Amino acid sequence: MPDRLRAGLARVVVGADGAAFTLLVALLANGHALIEGVPGTAKTLTVRVLARLLGVTFARIQFTPDLMPSDVVGTTVFDQRSATFSLRRGPVFTHVLLADEINRTPPKTQAALLEAMEERRVTIDGTTHALPVPFLVCATQNPVEFEGTYPLPEAQLDRLLVRVRTGYPAPDDERALIARAVAGFDAHDLAAAGVEPVVTLDELLATQAAVRTVHLAESLQRYVYDVVAATRASADVALGATQAAATLDGRSFATPDDVKDVAGPVLAHRILVRPEAELDGTSADDVIARVLAAVPAPAT
């Protein structure tokens, strides 16, 4: 199943193999993803294509400064004819939710997603409602334009399993994009582009369950702990912080390389670099690279 999803994404989203890998890690690990990239780097398109390949329901919320929590989760409305209240479900009741430019809405509305992301349910007027299974939130933000934005609180960042980075494609890939556009490709009409479901909902749920059965040797468990602990001990860090990667490779066991592959996407947005280190040009990714180089990996 993972191979079909990766092939489907690669056919439409050119030059985004790394982003596709990280997004699929979030999906198979039953987590959520923060997608960062400047405008025009296919953030929205990638999520739309993934939802269509999965054949599940999809909803998009454009976060704006005037967006209210009820616009996200829904509300109850009173029907005068029947003198009863009924639930008007918000866009959060879907399998794949694209929270576009999530940092452009105030914290009160951002917080409306917290219960949904952690508990897979929402509470409306005191009544709890379960969300569809699976439930994947893909939140996008522009990492270079901060005017009129509200930084995501640590509590919400922690609910995002991975951070996906999108960038400009390589020159050959950009020329391929131009040629495809000339040939008539329309990103707004994925059906016409031949993007159809390649997996069933049962297959997806079975694969998510299989991720939990991937063998993680005790030595590898210690390695994971040592890597995380080393980020906390780093002098450059003020706040520190696999199995899915093995599944993507079709293996029933995890390796140190799997840990290294996911360390950046999983840990970088959970690390707060000290201001003095940032002034010296040190980033969270730099800290993680140093940690991975310093912590010995197990032989098996």
Protein backbone atom coordinates (compact mmCIF):
# COMPACT_ATOMS: atom_id res chain seq x y z
CA MET A 1 0.00 0.00 0.00
CA PRO A 2 2.69 2.61 0.85
CA ASP A 3 4.33 2.05 -2.55
CA ARG A 4 1.06 2.87 -4.34
CA LEU A 5 0.64 6.08 -2.36
CA ARG A 6 4.23 7.18 -2.96
CA ALA A 7 3.94 6.46 -6.68
CA GLY A 8 0.64 8.34 -6.90
CA LEU A 9 2.08 11.38 -5.15
CA ALA A 10 5.24 11.33 -7.28
CA ARG A 11 3.16 11.23 -10.47
CA VAL A 12 1.40 14.51 -9.60
CA VAL A 13 3.67 16.38 -7.19
CA VAL A 14 7.02 16.63 -8.96
CA GLY A 15 10.23 16.64 -6.91
CA ALA A 16 8.57 16.19 -3.52
CA ASP A 17 9.84 12.74 -2.50
CA GLY A 18 11.07 13.95 0.90
CA ALA A 19 7.82 15.74 1.70
CA ALA A 20 5.79 12.73 0.59
CA PHE A 21 7.84 10.38 2.81
CA THR A 22 7.35 12.57 5.90
CA LEU A 23 3.63 13.04 5.23
CA LEU A 24 3.15 9.28 4.89
CA VAL A 25 5.02 8.74 8.16
CA ALA A 26 2.42 10.96 9.86
CA LEU A 27 -0.44 9.12 8.16
CA LEU A 28 0.75 5.60 8.99
CA ALA A 29 1.72 6.55 12.55
CA ASN A 30 -1.78 8.01 13.03
CA GLY A 31 -0.35 11.48 13.72
CA HIS A 32 -0.65 14.96 12.24
CA ALA A 33 1.67 17.06 10.09
CA LEU A 34 2.86 20.67 9.97
CA ILE A 35 3.75 21.61 6.39
CA GLU A 36 6.09 24.57 5.99
CA GLY A 37 7.05 26.19 2.72
CA VAL A 38 6.87 29.44 0.81
CA PRO A 39 3.88 29.99 -1.51
CA GLY A 40 3.92 27.96 -4.69
CA THR A 41 5.64 24.85 -3.32
CA ALA A 42 2.61 22.52 -3.64
CA LYS A 43 1.66 22.32 0.04
CA THR A 44 -2.08 22.32 -0.62
CA LEU A 45 -1.80 20.19 -3.75
CA THR A 46 0.16 17.47 -1.92
CA VAL A 47 -2.54 17.08 0.73
CA ARG A 48 -5.37 17.13 -1.83
CA VAL A 49 -3.66 14.44 -3.89
CA LEU A 50 -3.04 12.29 -0.81
CA ALA A 51 -6.71 12.48 0.22
CA ARG A 52 -7.85 11.54 -3.28
CA LEU A 53 -5.41 8.62 -3.45
CA LEU A 54 -6.79 7.39 -0.13
CA GLY A 55 -10.37 7.74 -1.35
CA VAL A 56 -11.44 9.38 1.93
CA THR A 57 -13.31 12.56 2.77
CA PHE A 58 -11.37 15.82 2.58
CA ALA A 59 -12.02 19.33 3.88
CA ARG A 60 -10.03 22.56 3.74
CA ILE A 61 -10.18 25.48 6.16
CA GLN A 62 -8.60 28.79 5.18
CA PHE A 63 -7.52 30.21 8.52
CA THR A 64 -8.04 33.98 8.80
CA PRO A 65 -7.93 36.47 11.70
CA ASP A 66 -11.74 36.53 11.96
CA LEU A 67 -12.24 32.74 11.94
CA MET A 68 -14.23 31.54 14.97
CA PRO A 69 -13.92 28.17 16.79
CA SER A 70 -17.47 27.29 15.69
CA ASP A 71 -16.34 27.72 12.08
CA VAL A 72 -13.97 24.80 12.69
CA VAL A 73 -15.87 22.34 14.89
CA GLY A 74 -19.47 23.33 14.21
CA THR A 75 -22.36 24.43 16.38
CA THR A 76 -25.91 23.59 17.40
CA VAL A 77 -28.78 25.46 15.74
CA PHE A 78 -32.38 25.84 16.82
CA ASP A 79 -35.12 24.84 14.38
CA GLN A 80 -38.18 26.97 15.14
CA ARG A 81 -40.50 24.71 13.16
CA SER A 82 -39.67 21.58 15.16
CA ALA A 83 -38.62 23.44 18.33
CA THR A 84 -35.49 21.27 18.52
CA PHE A 85 -31.75 21.76 18.38
CA SER A 86 -29.68 20.05 15.72
CA LEU A 87 -25.95 19.71 15.15
CA ARG A 88 -24.39 21.61 12.27
CA ARG A 89 -21.07 19.83 11.82
CA GLY A 90 -17.99 21.86 10.99
CA PRO A 91 -15.30 20.94 8.45
CA VAL A 92 -13.32 19.12 11.16
CA PHE A 93 -15.66 16.15 10.65
CA THR A 94 -13.61 14.62 7.86
CA HIS A 95 -10.81 12.09 7.34
CA VAL A 96 -8.18 14.50 6.00
CA LEU A 97 -8.32 18.13 7.13
CA LEU A 98 -6.15 20.80 5.52
CA ALA A 99 -5.71 23.67 7.99
CA ASP A 100 -4.34 26.23 5.55
CA GLU A 101 -2.14 28.98 7.03
CA ILE A 102 -3.04 27.93 10.55
CA ASN A 103 -0.85 30.64 12.06
CA ARG A 104 -3.05 33.39 10.60
CA THR A 105 -5.86 32.82 13.09
CA PRO A 106 -5.89 33.81 16.79
CA PRO A 107 -4.97 31.28 19.51
CA LYS A 108 -8.61 30.83 20.53
CA THR A 109 -9.46 29.36 17.13
CA GLN A 110 -6.18 27.43 16.91
CA ALA A 111 -7.13 25.85 20.24
CA ALA A 112 -10.36 24.56 18.70
CA LEU A 113 -8.23 21.96 16.94
CA LEU A 114 -6.38 20.79 20.06
CA GLU A 115 -9.02 18.38 21.35
CA ALA A 116 -9.70 17.13 17.85
CA MET A 117 -6.03 16.40 17.16
CA GLU A 118 -5.31 14.73 20.50
CA GLU A 119 -8.58 13.01 21.36
CA ARG A 120 -10.09 12.49 17.88
CA ARG A 121 -13.28 14.08 19.14
CA VAL A 122 -14.81 17.52 19.69
CA THR A 123 -17.15 18.93 22.30
CA ILE A 124 -19.98 21.18 21.12
CA ASP A 125 -22.31 22.72 23.71
CA GLY A 126 -21.28 20.11 26.26
CA THR A 127 -21.82 17.10 23.99
CA THR A 128 -18.87 15.05 22.74
CA HIS A 129 -18.81 13.90 19.12
CA ALA A 130 -16.35 11.36 17.69
CA LEU A 131 -14.45 12.24 14.53
CA PRO A 132 -14.07 9.91 11.53
CA VAL A 133 -11.36 7.24 11.58
CA PRO A 134 -8.70 7.79 10.40
CA PHE A 135 -8.29 11.50 11.12
CA LEU A 136 -5.30 13.40 9.73
CA VAL A 137 -4.70 17.13 10.17
CA CYS A 138 -2.25 18.76 7.77
CA ALA A 139 -1.55 22.32 8.93
CA THR A 140 0.34 24.64 6.60
CA GLN A 141 2.20 27.83 7.37
CA ASN A 142 4.48 30.23 5.53
CA PRO A 143 7.85 30.23 7.36
CA VAL A 144 9.05 33.60 5.99
CA GLU A 145 6.03 35.92 6.22
CA PHE A 146 5.04 36.65 9.81
CA GLU A 147 3.10 39.92 9.53
CA GLY A 148 -0.41 39.40 10.89
CA THR A 149 0.33 35.89 12.19
CA TYR A 150 0.02 34.21 15.58
CA PRO A 151 2.86 31.78 16.48
CA LEU A 152 1.66 28.27 17.22
CA PRO A 153 1.83 27.47 20.97
CA GLU A 154 4.06 24.60 22.12
CA ALA A 155 0.97 22.58 23.11
CA GLN A 156 -0.28 22.62 19.54
CA LEU A 157 3.13 22.00 18.02
CA ASP A 158 3.44 18.89 20.20
CA ARG A 159 0.25 17.51 18.63
CA LEU A 160 1.87 17.71 15.21
CA LEU A 161 3.90 14.52 14.89
CA VAL A 162 6.11 15.72 12.06
CA ARG A 163 7.15 18.88 10.27
CA VAL A 164 7.15 18.58 6.50
CA ARG A 165 9.39 20.95 4.54
CA THR A 166 8.49 21.88 0.97
CA GLY A 167 10.86 23.79 -1.25
CA TYR A 168 11.42 24.74 -4.84
CA PRO A 169 12.00 21.74 -7.12
CA ALA A 170 15.26 21.08 -8.92
CA PRO A 171 15.72 22.74 -12.35
CA ASP A 172 14.86 19.56 -14.26
CA ASP A 173 11.72 19.10 -12.18
CA GLU A 174 10.64 22.72 -12.76
CA ARG A 175 11.06 22.29 -16.50
CA ALA A 176 8.95 19.12 -16.24
CA LEU A 177 6.27 21.15 -14.46
CA ILE A 178 6.22 23.70 -17.28
CA ALA A 179 5.95 20.95 -19.89
CA ARG A 180 3.11 19.33 -17.99
CA ALA A 181 1.21 22.62 -17.73
CA VAL A 182 1.63 23.18 -21.47
CA ALA A 183 0.25 19.67 -22.02
CA GLY A 184 -2.94 20.65 -20.18
CA PHE A 185 -2.44 19.52 -16.58
CA ASP A 186 -4.83 21.35 -14.25
CA ALA A 187 -4.07 21.04 -10.53
CA HIS A 188 -7.62 22.13 -9.74
CA ASP A 189 -9.13 19.10 -11.51
CA LEU A 190 -7.45 16.00 -10.12
CA ALA A 191 -10.08 13.71 -11.60
CA ALA A 192 -9.23 14.89 -15.11
CA ALA A 193 -5.56 14.39 -14.26
CA GLY A 194 -6.30 10.73 -13.58
CA VAL A 195 -5.80 10.82 -9.81
CA GLU A 196 -7.99 8.05 -8.42
CA PRO A 197 -8.03 6.08 -5.13
CA VAL A 198 -5.31 3.45 -4.97
CA VAL A 199 -6.14 1.99 -1.54
CA THR A 200 -9.26 1.14 0.41
CA LEU A 201 -10.14 2.42 3.86
CA ASP A 202 -9.75 -1.11 5.24
CA GLU A 203 -6.23 -1.34 3.75
CA LEU A 204 -5.26 1.95 5.33
CA LEU A 205 -6.54 1.00 8.77
CA ALA A 206 -4.82 -2.41 8.53
CA THR A 207 -1.51 -0.76 7.60
CA GLN A 208 -1.81 1.70 10.49
CA ALA A 209 -2.37 -1.25 12.82
CA ALA A 210 0.59 -3.11 11.29
CA VAL A 211 2.90 -0.18 12.10
CA ARG A 212 2.43 -0.90 15.81
CA THR A 213 3.67 -4.46 15.30
CA VAL A 214 7.00 -3.45 13.72
CA HIS A 215 9.78 -4.85 15.90
CA LEU A 216 11.83 -2.25 17.76
CA ALA A 217 14.83 -3.93 19.38
CA GLU A 218 15.74 -2.96 22.94
CA SER A 219 19.06 -1.55 21.73
CA LEU A 220 17.16 0.64 19.24
CA GLN A 221 14.79 1.80 21.98
CA ARG A 222 17.81 2.92 24.00
CA TYR A 223 19.17 4.70 20.92
CA VAL A 224 15.92 6.63 20.49
CA TYR A 225 16.06 7.68 24.13
CA ASP A 226 19.73 8.67 23.87
CA VAL A 227 19.03 10.88 20.84
CA VAL A 228 16.10 12.65 22.53
CA ALA A 229 18.02 13.03 25.80
CA ALA A 230 20.99 14.50 23.94
CA THR A 231 18.81 17.26 22.48
CA ARG A 232 17.80 18.23 26.01
CA ALA A 233 21.42 18.35 27.13
CA SER A 234 22.62 20.45 24.18
CA ALA A 235 23.97 23.85 25.17
CA ASP A 236 22.20 25.38 22.17
CA VAL A 237 18.74 24.18 23.20
CA ALA A 238 16.36 25.87 25.63
CA LEU A 239 13.61 23.27 25.24
CA GLY A 240 14.22 19.73 23.91
CA ALA A 241 12.18 17.03 23.04
CA THR A 242 10.21 4.78 13.33
CA GLN A 243 8.23 2.39 13.20
CA ALA A 244 6.28 4.01 10.31
CA ALA A 245 9.51 4.55 8.37
CA ALA A 246 10.19 0.81 8.47
CA THR A 247 6.66 0.12 7.21
CA LEU A 248 7.22 2.48 4.28
CA ASP A 249 10.24 0.37 3.35
CA GLY A 250 8.20 -2.83 3.66
CA ARG A 251 10.10 -4.12 6.68
CA SER A 252 8.76 -5.70 9.88
CA PHE A 253 11.65 -4.34 11.94
CA ALA A 254 13.14 -0.90 12.50
CA THR A 255 16.79 0.09 12.08
CA PRO A 256 18.99 2.98 13.27
CA ASP A 257 18.64 4.50 9.80
CA ASP A 258 14.87 4.70 10.34
CA VAL A 259 15.49 6.68 13.52
CA LYS A 260 17.84 9.02 11.65
CA ASP A 261 15.36 9.44 8.79
CA VAL A 262 12.57 10.62 11.08
CA ALA A 263 14.61 12.45 13.75
CA GLY A 264 14.53 15.79 11.93
CA PRO A 265 10.83 15.81 10.99
CA VAL A 266 9.77 14.58 14.46
CA LEU A 267 12.09 16.62 16.71
CA ALA A 268 12.94 19.89 14.95
CA HIS A 269 9.68 21.71 15.68
CA ARG A 270 9.82 20.54 19.32
CA ILE A 271 13.23 22.10 19.95
CA LEU A 272 13.59 25.72 21.04
CA VAL A 273 17.05 26.99 20.14
CA ARG A 274 18.57 29.57 22.47
CA PRO A 275 18.52 33.12 21.03
CA GLU A 276 22.31 33.44 21.25
CA ALA A 277 22.73 30.22 19.27
CA GLU A 278 20.26 31.44 16.64
CA LEU A 279 22.28 34.63 16.26
CA ASP A 280 25.27 32.42 15.48
CA GLY A 281 23.24 30.73 12.72
CA THR A 282 22.40 27.53 14.60
CA SER A 283 19.02 25.97 13.74
CA ALA A 284 17.08 23.10 15.29
CA ASP A 285 18.07 20.96 12.31
CA ASP A 286 21.74 21.73 13.02
CA VAL A 287 21.32 20.61 16.63
CA ILE A 288 19.71 17.33 15.56
CA ALA A 289 22.45 16.68 12.98
CA ARG A 290 25.11 17.17 15.67
CA VAL A 291 23.26 14.88 18.07
CA LEU A 292 22.92 12.12 15.48
CA ALA A 293 26.65 12.42 14.71
CA ALA A 294 27.57 12.27 18.41
CA VAL A 295 25.26 9.53 19.72
CA PRO A 296 26.56 6.04 18.82
CA ALA A 297 24.05 3.95 16.89
CA PRO A 298 23.54 0.31 17.88
CA ALA A 299 25.15 -2.31 15.67
CA THR A 300 21.87 -4.21 15.32
